Protein backbone atom coordinates (compact mmCIF):
# COMPACT_ATOMS: atom_id res chain seq x y z
CA UNK A 1 53.92 15.21 39.65
CA UNK A 2 55.70 12.01 40.69
CA UNK A 3 55.43 12.75 44.39
CA UNK A 4 51.64 12.38 44.31
CA UNK A 5 50.17 8.98 45.13
CA UNK A 6 47.73 9.09 42.22
CA UNK A 7 50.70 9.19 39.86
CA UNK A 8 51.93 5.92 41.33
CA UNK A 9 48.46 4.40 40.98
CA UNK A 10 48.24 5.56 37.36
CA UNK A 11 51.70 4.19 36.60
CA UNK A 12 50.69 0.82 38.02
CA UNK A 13 47.47 0.85 35.96
CA UNK A 14 49.48 1.73 32.83
CA UNK A 15 51.98 -1.03 33.57
CA UNK A 16 49.19 -3.55 34.01
CA UNK A 17 47.39 -2.51 30.83
CA UNK A 18 50.48 -1.94 28.74
CA UNK A 19 53.07 -4.31 30.09
CA UNK A 20 51.44 -7.41 31.47
CA UNK A 21 49.50 -8.08 28.28
CA UNK A 22 52.74 -9.29 26.71
CA UNK A 23 53.50 -11.68 29.56
CA UNK A 24 50.25 -13.29 30.73
CA UNK A 25 47.87 -15.25 28.56
CA UNK A 26 44.20 -14.43 28.18
CA UNK A 27 43.19 -18.05 27.67
CA UNK A 28 44.42 -21.34 26.30
CA UNK A 29 42.59 -22.55 23.22
CA UNK A 30 41.46 -26.09 22.45
CA UNK A 31 44.81 -27.02 20.84
CA UNK A 32 46.81 -25.96 23.90
CA UNK A 33 48.09 -22.67 22.45
CA UNK A 34 48.26 -19.69 24.77
CA UNK A 35 46.38 -16.69 23.42
CA UNK A 36 47.87 -13.35 24.46
CA UNK A 37 46.44 -9.92 23.77
CA UNK A 38 48.80 -9.38 20.83
CA UNK A 39 47.12 -12.25 18.98
CA UNK A 40 43.74 -10.50 19.02
CA UNK A 41 44.01 -7.00 17.58
CA UNK A 42 40.84 -5.63 19.21
CA UNK A 43 41.93 -6.71 22.68
CA UNK A 44 45.43 -5.42 22.07
CA UNK A 45 44.05 -2.06 20.96
CA UNK A 46 41.83 -1.77 24.02
CA UNK A 47 44.70 -2.58 26.38
CA UNK A 48 47.03 -0.11 24.66
CA UNK A 49 44.32 2.58 24.71
CA UNK A 50 43.88 1.99 28.43
CA UNK A 51 47.62 2.30 29.03
CA UNK A 52 47.79 5.49 26.96
CA UNK A 53 44.86 7.02 28.84
CA UNK A 54 46.63 6.30 32.12
CA UNK A 55 49.83 7.92 30.86
CA UNK A 56 47.95 10.95 29.54
CA UNK A 57 46.25 11.34 32.92
CA UNK A 58 49.66 11.41 34.61
CA UNK A 59 50.89 14.31 32.52
CA UNK A 60 47.85 16.54 32.97
CA UNK A 61 48.32 16.78 36.71
CA UNK A 62 47.61 20.55 36.65
CA UNK A 63 44.00 20.00 35.58
CA UNK A 64 42.59 17.65 38.21
CA UNK A 65 39.03 17.70 36.87
CA UNK A 66 40.14 16.63 33.40
CA UNK A 67 42.38 14.02 34.99
CA UNK A 68 39.36 12.59 36.79
CA UNK A 69 37.31 12.55 33.58
CA UNK A 70 40.07 10.72 31.71
CA UNK A 71 40.30 8.18 34.53
CA UNK A 72 36.54 7.62 34.36
CA UNK A 73 36.80 7.04 30.60
CA UNK A 74 39.60 4.59 31.27
CA UNK A 75 37.46 2.78 33.85
CA UNK A 76 34.64 2.60 31.31
CA UNK A 77 37.00 1.19 28.68
CA UNK A 78 38.23 -1.46 31.13
CA UNK A 79 34.65 -2.34 32.08
CA UNK A 80 33.78 -2.81 28.41
CA UNK A 81 36.87 -4.96 27.95
CA UNK A 82 35.94 -7.02 31.00
CA UNK A 83 32.40 -7.42 29.68
CA UNK A 84 33.73 -8.67 26.35
CA UNK A 85 35.94 -11.19 28.15
CA UNK A 86 33.05 -12.44 30.26
CA UNK A 87 30.77 -12.65 27.22
CA UNK A 88 33.39 -14.54 25.24
CA UNK A 89 34.11 -16.99 28.03
CA UNK A 90 30.41 -17.66 28.68
CA UNK A 91 29.33 -18.09 25.07
CA UNK A 92 32.05 -20.52 24.05
CA UNK A 93 30.93 -24.07 24.57
CA UNK A 94 33.11 -26.62 26.30
CA UNK A 95 36.35 -27.56 24.62
CA UNK A 96 35.62 -26.08 21.20
CA UNK A 97 37.42 -22.76 21.44
CA UNK A 98 38.36 -21.98 25.03
CA UNK A 99 39.86 -24.66 27.20
CA UNK A 100 41.28 -22.69 30.13
CA UNK A 101 40.80 -19.13 31.19
CA UNK A 102 44.05 -17.30 31.79
CA UNK A 103 44.94 -14.73 34.40
CA UNK A 104 44.92 -12.12 31.63
CA UNK A 105 41.14 -11.93 31.84
CA UNK A 106 41.54 -10.40 35.30
CA UNK A 107 43.83 -7.58 34.17
CA UNK A 108 40.96 -5.11 33.56
CA UNK A 109 39.70 -5.68 37.13
CA UNK A 110 43.13 -4.97 38.62
CA UNK A 111 43.48 -1.89 36.42
CA UNK A 112 40.04 -0.63 37.49
CA UNK A 113 41.02 -0.95 41.15
CA UNK A 114 44.10 1.23 40.68
CA UNK A 115 42.17 3.77 38.60
CA UNK A 116 39.53 4.08 41.34
CA UNK A 117 42.28 4.57 43.92
CA UNK A 118 43.81 7.27 41.70
CA UNK A 119 40.45 9.04 41.40
CA UNK A 120 40.04 8.99 45.17
CA UNK A 121 43.51 10.53 45.62
CA UNK A 122 42.73 13.19 42.99
CA UNK A 123 39.50 14.03 44.81
CA UNK A 124 41.43 14.38 48.10
CA UNK A 125 43.88 16.76 46.41
CA UNK A 126 41.01 18.82 45.02
CA UNK A 127 39.42 19.06 48.48
CA UNK A 128 42.76 20.06 49.97
CA UNK A 129 43.17 22.87 47.43
CA UNK A 130 39.62 24.09 48.04
CA UNK A 131 40.16 24.13 51.80
CA UNK A 132 43.42 26.05 51.38
CA UNK A 133 41.63 28.60 49.18
CA UNK A 134 39.02 29.11 51.89
CA UNK A 135 41.68 30.28 54.35
CA UNK A 136 42.95 33.05 52.06
């Protein structure tokens, strides 16, 4: 399980979605307060769900097809979260609600990159197993 590269990718994606949300800010509001994901319950829930999906995908390493499906759901969840961030940052006018965008808005993009890399590694494993079955 841990010796596979997709496990490392999934652990990194889980750490980004589950760990960095406590450290980096999503944005800084008009009063100068940093807004982290814990302040907004919907964002916090989406990040935690993404981290849990990554961890679940790690522990179902025997079923590679289901692991790929769970990773695709996780990518979809991160894309929705990214879309909400983009929508929120584009619809807020000037200095009223959002003053500065934080690095936290990029966390779904980084997580998507590692989930895509994990899916590619899972696909390589599946092709390797199929080619080994052909030789039998």
